[in-house]
Amino acid sequence: MYIKKISFVLAGLWLTIALWSSLLANNGLAGLCLILFFLCLGISFQGYESLKGFTYTVMVLGAVVAALYYPQYFREWNGFPLAALITPLIQLIMFGMGTSMGIEDFLGVVRMPKGVLLGVVSHFMIMPLLGFFLANLSGLDPEIAAGIILIGCSPNGMASNVISYLARANLALSITITAISTLLAPFVTPMLMKTLAGAFVAIDAGHMMVDMAKMVIIPIAAGLIFNRLFSRKAKWVNAVMPYVSMSGIAATLVIITAAGRDNLLTIGPILLGLVLLHNLSGYLLGYWSARLFRMSERDCRTIAIEVGMQNGGLASGIAREMGKIATVGLAPALFGPLMNITGSVLASWWHRKTPRS
């Protein structure tokens, strides 16, 4: 406990030095101190039950800062472009998702047809249309604006299941919506992108469909088979894969941040504001779409989370396959860590409020 308290004090010290160094235009020292600030802050969060859930996000922010200040270390290694790792990392994450799933995750469609249908339809309607609206208003470079639409057209990720659990929502419904939307994504996302983002950037829907099948369908199918055949013999996989997935997502964000650093320094605050508005609007509209159909409070919370939280890693992989990681990939890169922060805050707030129905 003392180490965590000391880490909190050190975090304040590093932040002070970082701010002072920035005033003196010593960017090298400022960058190093900011990285140490996030590292110490993450360690200190482990000492507080209410802050533990933010540890991963804080560590990711530290890694992103490293990519912003020292991009040369995250673009290539001995001539090998690190961006080439993004697709294999997404496939590994999807495989991990498959190993944590079973046939019971899909039986939820039978048990909760109304909630699943509403959750999936709301997800693939609200966020894409919001993304299209914000992209048109943004005034940003067309390829960067297309990234806002891309994150909106992506399925939800496993993070939404964790947030649903913490928010006292309907976890079974959350898992089922995530599973169905993820498996539908290779077919739905390319069509939505062709329709909504075609005016911003050239979209080959057929090629995107094949790429997404490679990144989603095949790895998840392999994970499901692995789970079916070896789950009892290789229980360690279930324990390890969440950490592998988190590391893979962090690595993807860092690589994209380094690749798009110059664009981020130019339009970062504007894009950050748009991404935040996209995310928060998703929660709000998702919740009230469920209320409109007279769903229970627990189900309303679930659908709000499932609509507002997107699979930023998969969206980044799509941007990589499009060859536009430094432009189209920027909004997904920002959306990932940001939704973890807002989702954790929302979950903490809802956790203190017992669902009324």
Protein backbone atom coordinates (compact mmCIF):
# COMPACT_ATOMS: atom_id res chain seq x y z
CA MET A 1 0.00 0.00 0.00
CA TYR A 2 2.91 2.32 0.79
CA ILE A 3 4.37 1.74 -2.67
CA LYS A 4 1.07 2.81 -4.25
CA LYS A 5 0.91 5.95 -2.10
CA ILE A 6 4.51 6.79 -2.97
CA SER A 7 3.67 6.23 -6.64
CA PHE A 8 0.85 8.76 -6.35
CA VAL A 9 3.25 11.37 -4.93
CA LEU A 10 5.81 10.56 -7.64
CA ALA A 11 3.10 10.94 -10.29
CA GLY A 12 2.46 14.48 -9.07
CA LEU A 13 6.19 15.22 -9.10
CA TRP A 14 6.66 13.91 -12.66
CA LEU A 15 3.65 15.89 -13.87
CA THR A 16 5.03 19.08 -12.31
CA ILE A 17 8.41 18.57 -13.98
CA ALA A 18 6.70 17.77 -17.30
CA LEU A 19 4.68 20.99 -17.21
CA TRP A 20 7.73 23.04 -16.22
CA SER A 21 9.80 21.43 -19.01
CA SER A 22 7.07 22.24 -21.53
CA LEU A 23 7.17 25.90 -20.49
CA LEU A 24 10.94 25.83 -21.04
CA ALA A 25 10.41 24.15 -24.46
CA ASN A 26 12.38 21.09 -23.32
CA ASN A 27 10.11 18.60 -25.11
CA GLY A 28 12.43 15.63 -24.65
CA LEU A 29 12.35 15.89 -20.85
CA ALA A 30 8.64 16.75 -20.86
CA GLY A 31 7.80 13.63 -22.84
CA LEU A 32 9.83 11.36 -20.57
CA CYS A 33 8.26 12.86 -17.43
CA LEU A 34 4.73 12.51 -18.84
CA ILE A 35 5.37 8.82 -19.53
CA LEU A 36 6.63 8.36 -15.95
CA PHE A 37 3.59 10.29 -14.69
CA PHE A 38 1.15 7.87 -16.32
CA LEU A 39 3.19 4.86 -15.19
CA CYS A 40 3.23 5.97 -11.54
CA LEU A 41 -0.42 7.00 -11.71
CA GLY A 42 -1.39 3.55 -12.99
CA ILE A 43 0.52 1.86 -10.17
CA SER A 44 -1.06 4.14 -7.57
CA PHE A 45 -4.59 3.39 -8.89
CA GLN A 46 -4.12 -0.22 -7.84
CA GLY A 47 -4.31 0.92 -4.23
CA TYR A 48 -7.84 2.32 -4.59
CA GLU A 49 -10.79 0.06 -5.30
CA SER A 50 -12.73 2.81 -7.07
CA LEU A 51 -9.79 3.59 -9.40
CA LYS A 52 -8.54 0.11 -10.26
CA GLY A 53 -10.71 0.00 -13.36
CA PHE A 54 -8.81 2.96 -14.82
CA THR A 55 -5.35 1.39 -14.52
CA TYR A 56 -5.29 -0.11 -18.03
CA THR A 57 -6.53 3.11 -19.64
CA VAL A 58 -3.91 5.17 -17.80
CA MET A 59 -1.15 2.81 -18.91
CA VAL A 60 -2.39 2.99 -22.50
CA LEU A 61 -2.36 6.80 -22.31
CA GLY A 62 1.26 6.61 -21.17
CA ALA A 63 2.09 4.40 -24.17
CA VAL A 64 0.29 6.79 -26.52
CA VAL A 65 2.29 9.72 -25.09
CA ALA A 66 5.46 7.73 -25.79
CA ALA A 67 4.34 7.28 -29.40
CA LEU A 68 3.64 11.02 -29.74
CA TYR A 69 7.02 12.11 -28.37
CA TYR A 70 9.16 9.30 -29.79
CA PRO A 71 7.31 8.09 -32.93
CA GLN A 72 10.48 6.82 -34.59
CA TYR A 73 10.60 3.86 -32.19
CA PHE A 74 7.06 2.75 -33.05
CA ARG A 75 7.06 3.05 -36.84
CA GLU A 76 9.62 0.45 -37.80
CA TRP A 77 12.16 -1.89 -36.30
CA ASN A 78 15.33 -2.67 -38.29
CA GLY A 79 13.50 -1.77 -41.48
CA PHE A 80 10.36 -3.78 -40.62
CA PRO A 81 7.20 -1.59 -40.64
CA LEU A 82 5.42 -2.18 -37.34
CA ALA A 83 2.08 -1.33 -38.97
CA ALA A 84 2.26 -4.79 -40.56
CA LEU A 85 1.64 -6.24 -37.07
CA ILE A 86 -1.82 -4.69 -36.73
CA THR A 87 -3.79 -7.30 -38.69
CA PRO A 88 -2.15 -10.30 -36.92
CA LEU A 89 -2.77 -8.57 -33.57
CA ILE A 90 -6.47 -8.09 -34.40
CA GLN A 91 -6.70 -11.74 -35.44
CA LEU A 92 -5.13 -12.78 -32.15
CA ILE A 93 -7.61 -10.60 -30.22
CA MET A 94 -10.53 -12.10 -32.17
CA PHE A 95 -9.20 -15.60 -31.49
CA GLY A 96 -9.16 -14.74 -27.80
CA MET A 97 -12.74 -13.54 -28.08
CA GLY A 98 -13.66 -16.87 -29.67
CA THR A 99 -12.02 -18.88 -26.88
CA SER A 100 -14.17 -17.06 -24.34
CA MET A 101 -17.39 -17.78 -26.23
CA GLY A 102 -19.64 -20.82 -26.52
CA ILE A 103 -22.91 -21.86 -28.06
CA GLU A 104 -24.75 -20.46 -25.03
CA ASP A 105 -23.70 -16.95 -26.07
CA PHE A 106 -25.78 -17.30 -29.22
CA LEU A 107 -28.74 -18.96 -27.52
CA GLY A 108 -29.44 -15.56 -25.99
CA VAL A 109 -31.11 -14.67 -29.29
CA VAL A 110 -33.78 -17.25 -28.44
CA ARG A 111 -34.04 -16.29 -24.79
CA MET A 112 -34.01 -12.49 -25.30
CA PRO A 113 -35.00 -11.88 -28.95
CA LYS A 114 -36.38 -8.38 -28.39
CA GLY A 115 -33.34 -7.13 -26.49
CA VAL A 116 -30.84 -8.69 -28.91
CA LEU A 117 -32.64 -7.41 -32.01
CA LEU A 118 -33.01 -3.92 -30.55
CA GLY A 119 -29.39 -3.85 -29.37
CA VAL A 120 -27.90 -4.97 -32.70
CA VAL A 121 -30.16 -2.78 -34.87
CA SER A 122 -29.63 0.28 -32.62
CA HIS A 123 -25.88 -0.30 -32.70
CA PHE A 124 -25.68 -0.47 -36.48
CA MET A 125 -28.03 2.47 -36.98
CA ILE A 126 -27.23 5.05 -34.30
CA MET A 127 -23.42 5.05 -34.36
CA PRO A 128 -22.97 4.97 -38.17
CA LEU A 129 -25.49 7.81 -38.66
CA LEU A 130 -23.89 9.81 -35.84
CA GLY A 131 -20.50 9.26 -37.43
CA PHE A 132 -21.79 10.41 -40.82
CA PHE A 133 -23.35 13.51 -39.26
CA LEU A 134 -20.18 14.44 -37.33
CA ALA A 135 -17.91 13.74 -40.31
CA ASN A 136 -19.94 16.12 -42.47
CA LEU A 137 -19.82 18.82 -39.80
CA SER A 138 -16.14 18.37 -38.96
CA GLY A 139 -14.53 20.17 -41.89
CA LEU A 140 -11.60 17.76 -41.53
CA ASP A 141 -9.61 16.16 -44.33
CA PRO A 142 -11.94 13.61 -46.02
CA GLU A 143 -9.84 10.59 -45.05
CA ILE A 144 -9.67 11.65 -41.41
CA ALA A 145 -13.42 12.37 -41.41
CA ALA A 146 -14.02 8.91 -42.90
CA GLY A 147 -12.38 7.46 -39.80
CA ILE A 148 -15.21 8.89 -37.68
CA ILE A 149 -17.70 7.01 -39.85
CA LEU A 150 -15.56 3.86 -39.69
CA ILE A 151 -15.56 3.72 -35.89
CA GLY A 152 -19.32 4.24 -36.00
CA CYS A 153 -19.81 1.36 -38.44
CA SER A 154 -17.71 -1.07 -36.38
CA PRO A 155 -19.15 -3.68 -34.00
CA ASN A 156 -18.91 -3.48 -30.22
CA GLY A 157 -15.96 -5.00 -28.41
CA MET A 158 -15.42 -7.17 -25.36
CA ALA A 159 -14.85 -4.08 -23.21
CA SER A 160 -18.60 -3.44 -23.30
CA ASN A 161 -19.18 -6.74 -21.48
CA VAL A 162 -16.92 -5.69 -18.61
CA ILE A 163 -18.58 -2.28 -18.39
CA SER A 164 -22.06 -3.88 -18.43
CA TYR A 165 -21.06 -6.12 -15.54
CA LEU A 166 -19.78 -3.18 -13.51
CA ALA A 167 -22.85 -1.08 -14.35
CA ARG A 168 -25.26 -3.76 -13.00
CA ALA A 169 -26.66 -4.19 -16.49
CA ASN A 170 -27.80 -7.41 -18.20
CA LEU A 171 -24.49 -9.19 -18.78
CA ALA A 172 -26.03 -12.11 -20.70
CA LEU A 173 -27.71 -9.69 -23.11
CA SER A 174 -24.46 -7.71 -23.46
CA ILE A 175 -22.43 -10.80 -24.37
CA THR A 176 -25.03 -11.94 -26.91
CA ILE A 177 -25.26 -8.52 -28.61
CA THR A 178 -21.46 -8.34 -28.80
CA ALA A 179 -21.23 -11.83 -30.30
CA ILE A 180 -23.94 -11.25 -32.89
CA SER A 181 -22.79 -7.77 -33.93
CA THR A 182 -19.19 -8.96 -34.27
CA LEU A 183 -20.15 -11.88 -36.52
CA LEU A 184 -22.42 -9.63 -38.60
CA ALA A 185 -19.77 -6.93 -38.97
CA PRO A 186 -17.91 -8.43 -41.97
CA PHE A 187 -21.16 -8.16 -43.93
CA VAL A 188 -22.76 -5.03 -42.44
CA THR A 189 -19.74 -2.75 -41.92
CA PRO A 190 -18.54 -2.73 -45.58
CA MET A 191 -22.05 -1.92 -46.81
CA LEU A 192 -22.44 0.90 -44.29
CA MET A 193 -19.00 2.27 -45.17
CA LYS A 194 -19.76 2.15 -48.90
CA THR A 195 -23.04 4.03 -48.32
CA LEU A 196 -21.94 6.58 -45.71
CA ALA A 197 -18.21 7.05 -46.27
CA GLY A 198 -18.08 6.60 -50.06
CA ALA A 199 -18.17 10.37 -50.58
CA PHE A 200 -15.13 10.83 -48.30
CA VAL A 201 -12.83 8.00 -49.40
CA ALA A 202 -12.89 5.22 -52.01
CA ILE A 203 -14.46 2.10 -50.49
CA ASP A 204 -14.15 -1.35 -52.04
CA ALA A 205 -16.91 -3.09 -50.10
CA GLY A 206 -16.11 -6.54 -51.48
CA HIS A 207 -12.42 -6.27 -50.58
CA MET A 208 -13.27 -4.92 -47.13
CA MET A 209 -15.68 -7.82 -46.59
CA VAL A 210 -12.92 -10.35 -47.37
CA ASP A 211 -10.43 -8.52 -45.13
CA MET A 212 -12.90 -8.45 -42.25
CA ALA A 213 -13.74 -12.12 -42.69
CA LYS A 214 -10.02 -12.85 -42.29
CA MET A 215 -9.84 -10.65 -39.19
CA VAL A 216 -13.13 -11.68 -37.57
CA ILE A 217 -14.88 -14.81 -38.83
CA ILE A 218 -11.88 -17.12 -39.21
CA PRO A 219 -10.14 -16.24 -35.89
CA ILE A 220 -13.39 -16.36 -33.89
CA ALA A 221 -14.34 -19.69 -35.50
CA ALA A 222 -10.89 -21.03 -34.61
CA GLY A 223 -11.33 -19.76 -31.04
CA LEU A 224 -14.77 -21.38 -30.75
CA ILE A 225 -13.37 -24.71 -31.97
CA PHE A 226 -10.44 -24.43 -29.58
CA ASN A 227 -12.80 -23.69 -26.70
CA ARG A 228 -14.99 -26.64 -27.64
CA LEU A 229 -12.13 -29.14 -27.93
CA PHE A 230 -9.54 -27.97 -25.43
CA SER A 231 -11.22 -25.72 -22.84
CA ARG A 232 -10.84 -28.31 -20.06
CA LYS A 233 -7.28 -29.23 -21.00
CA ALA A 234 -6.01 -25.69 -21.54
CA LYS A 235 -7.72 -23.57 -18.91
CA TRP A 236 -4.67 -21.35 -18.80
CA VAL A 237 -5.70 -19.94 -22.20
CA ASN A 238 -8.81 -18.31 -20.71
CA ALA A 239 -6.65 -16.77 -17.99
CA VAL A 240 -3.99 -15.48 -20.39
CA MET A 241 -6.01 -14.30 -23.40
CA PRO A 242 -7.57 -11.20 -21.74
CA TYR A 243 -4.06 -9.89 -21.02
CA VAL A 244 -2.91 -10.80 -24.53
CA SER A 245 -5.92 -8.95 -25.95
CA MET A 246 -5.29 -5.87 -23.82
CA SER A 247 -1.62 -5.85 -24.86
CA GLY A 248 -2.61 -6.26 -28.50
CA ILE A 249 -5.04 -3.35 -28.34
CA ALA A 250 -2.43 -1.15 -26.64
CA ALA A 251 0.20 -2.05 -29.26
CA THR A 252 -2.24 -1.27 -32.07
CA LEU A 253 -3.06 2.14 -30.59
CA VAL A 254 0.60 3.00 -30.17
CA ILE A 255 1.51 2.04 -33.75
CA ILE A 256 -1.39 4.07 -35.18
CA THR A 257 -0.56 7.07 -32.99
CA ALA A 258 3.05 7.01 -34.18
CA ALA A 259 2.00 6.67 -37.82
CA GLY A 260 -0.49 9.55 -37.62
CA ARG A 261 1.45 11.74 -35.20
CA ASP A 262 1.76 14.75 -37.53
CA ASN A 263 -1.97 14.75 -38.29
CA LEU A 264 -2.82 14.34 -34.61
CA LEU A 265 -0.68 17.31 -33.59
CA THR A 266 -2.54 19.42 -36.14
CA ILE A 267 -6.16 18.38 -35.62
CA GLY A 268 -5.96 16.37 -32.38
CA PRO A 269 -8.17 18.59 -30.15
CA ILE A 270 -10.89 18.89 -32.82
CA LEU A 271 -10.92 15.16 -33.53
CA LEU A 272 -10.85 14.36 -29.81
CA GLY A 273 -13.92 16.55 -29.25
CA LEU A 274 -15.80 14.90 -32.12
CA VAL A 275 -14.91 11.41 -30.93
CA LEU A 276 -16.02 12.25 -27.39
CA LEU A 277 -19.34 13.63 -28.68
CA HIS A 278 -19.80 10.50 -30.81
CA ASN A 279 -19.20 8.23 -27.84
CA LEU A 280 -21.40 10.11 -25.34
CA SER A 281 -24.22 10.53 -27.86
CA GLY A 282 -24.11 6.77 -28.43
CA TYR A 283 -24.71 6.10 -24.74
CA LEU A 284 -27.55 8.63 -24.57
CA LEU A 285 -29.38 7.57 -27.75
CA GLY A 286 -28.83 3.90 -27.04
CA TYR A 287 -30.39 4.23 -23.61
CA TRP A 288 -33.43 6.14 -24.84
CA SER A 289 -33.96 3.88 -27.83
CA ALA A 290 -34.37 1.04 -25.33
CA ARG A 291 -36.62 3.17 -23.13
CA LEU A 292 -38.77 3.91 -26.18
CA PHE A 293 -39.42 0.18 -26.54
CA ARG A 294 -40.19 -0.18 -22.81
CA MET A 295 -37.16 -2.28 -21.94
CA SER A 296 -36.21 -2.79 -18.29
CA GLU A 297 -33.67 -0.48 -16.65
CA ARG A 298 -30.99 -3.21 -16.75
CA ASP A 299 -31.59 -3.77 -20.46
CA CYS A 300 -31.59 -0.01 -21.14
CA ARG A 301 -28.18 0.26 -19.50
CA THR A 302 -26.93 -2.69 -21.52
CA ILE A 303 -28.06 -1.29 -24.86
CA ALA A 304 -26.66 2.16 -24.00
CA ILE A 305 -23.24 0.59 -23.38
CA GLU A 306 -23.44 -1.69 -26.42
CA VAL A 307 -24.32 1.24 -28.68
CA GLY A 308 -21.78 3.69 -27.26
CA MET A 309 -18.76 1.38 -27.12
CA GLN A 310 -17.09 0.31 -30.37
CA ASN A 311 -14.34 -2.11 -31.36
CA GLY A 312 -11.60 0.43 -31.99
CA GLY A 313 -9.01 -2.29 -32.55
CA LEU A 314 -10.98 -3.86 -35.39
CA ALA A 315 -11.63 -0.44 -36.94
CA SER A 316 -7.88 0.20 -36.80
CA GLY A 317 -7.26 -3.10 -38.56
CA ILE A 318 -9.69 -2.12 -41.31
CA ALA A 319 -7.90 1.22 -41.73
CA ARG A 320 -4.61 -0.67 -42.00
CA GLU A 321 -6.00 -2.95 -44.70
CA MET A 322 -7.22 0.16 -46.55
CA GLY A 323 -3.65 1.47 -46.47
CA LYS A 324 -4.77 4.59 -44.60
CA ILE A 325 -3.66 3.96 -41.05
CA ALA A 326 -2.30 7.51 -40.58
CA THR A 327 -5.62 9.14 -41.57
CA VAL A 328 -8.66 6.85 -41.45
CA GLY A 329 -7.10 5.09 -38.45
CA LEU A 330 -6.88 8.18 -36.24
CA ALA A 331 -10.49 8.38 -35.00
CA PRO A 332 -10.53 4.67 -33.99
CA ALA A 333 -7.21 5.18 -32.19
CA LEU A 334 -8.67 8.02 -30.13
CA PHE A 335 -12.03 6.34 -29.59
CA GLY A 336 -10.55 3.25 -27.88
CA PRO A 337 -8.93 4.80 -24.79
CA LEU A 338 -11.59 7.51 -24.57
CA MET A 339 -14.50 5.05 -24.42
CA ASN A 340 -12.72 3.11 -21.68
CA ILE A 341 -12.59 6.28 -19.58
CA THR A 342 -16.20 7.32 -20.22
CA GLY A 343 -17.43 3.73 -19.90
CA SER A 344 -15.70 3.29 -16.56
CA VAL A 345 -17.18 6.56 -15.25
CA LEU A 346 -20.65 5.56 -16.46
CA ALA A 347 -20.30 2.10 -14.92
CA SER A 348 -19.22 3.59 -11.58
CA TRP A 349 -22.21 5.94 -11.56
CA TRP A 350 -24.69 3.22 -12.46
CA HIS A 351 -23.11 0.75 -10.05
CA ARG A 352 -24.20 2.98 -7.15
CA LYS A 353 -27.78 3.05 -8.44
CA THR A 354 -29.79 -0.19 -8.10
CA PRO A 355 -31.81 -0.79 -11.30
CA ARG A 356 -35.46 0.09 -10.74
CA SER A 357 -36.77 -2.66 -12.99
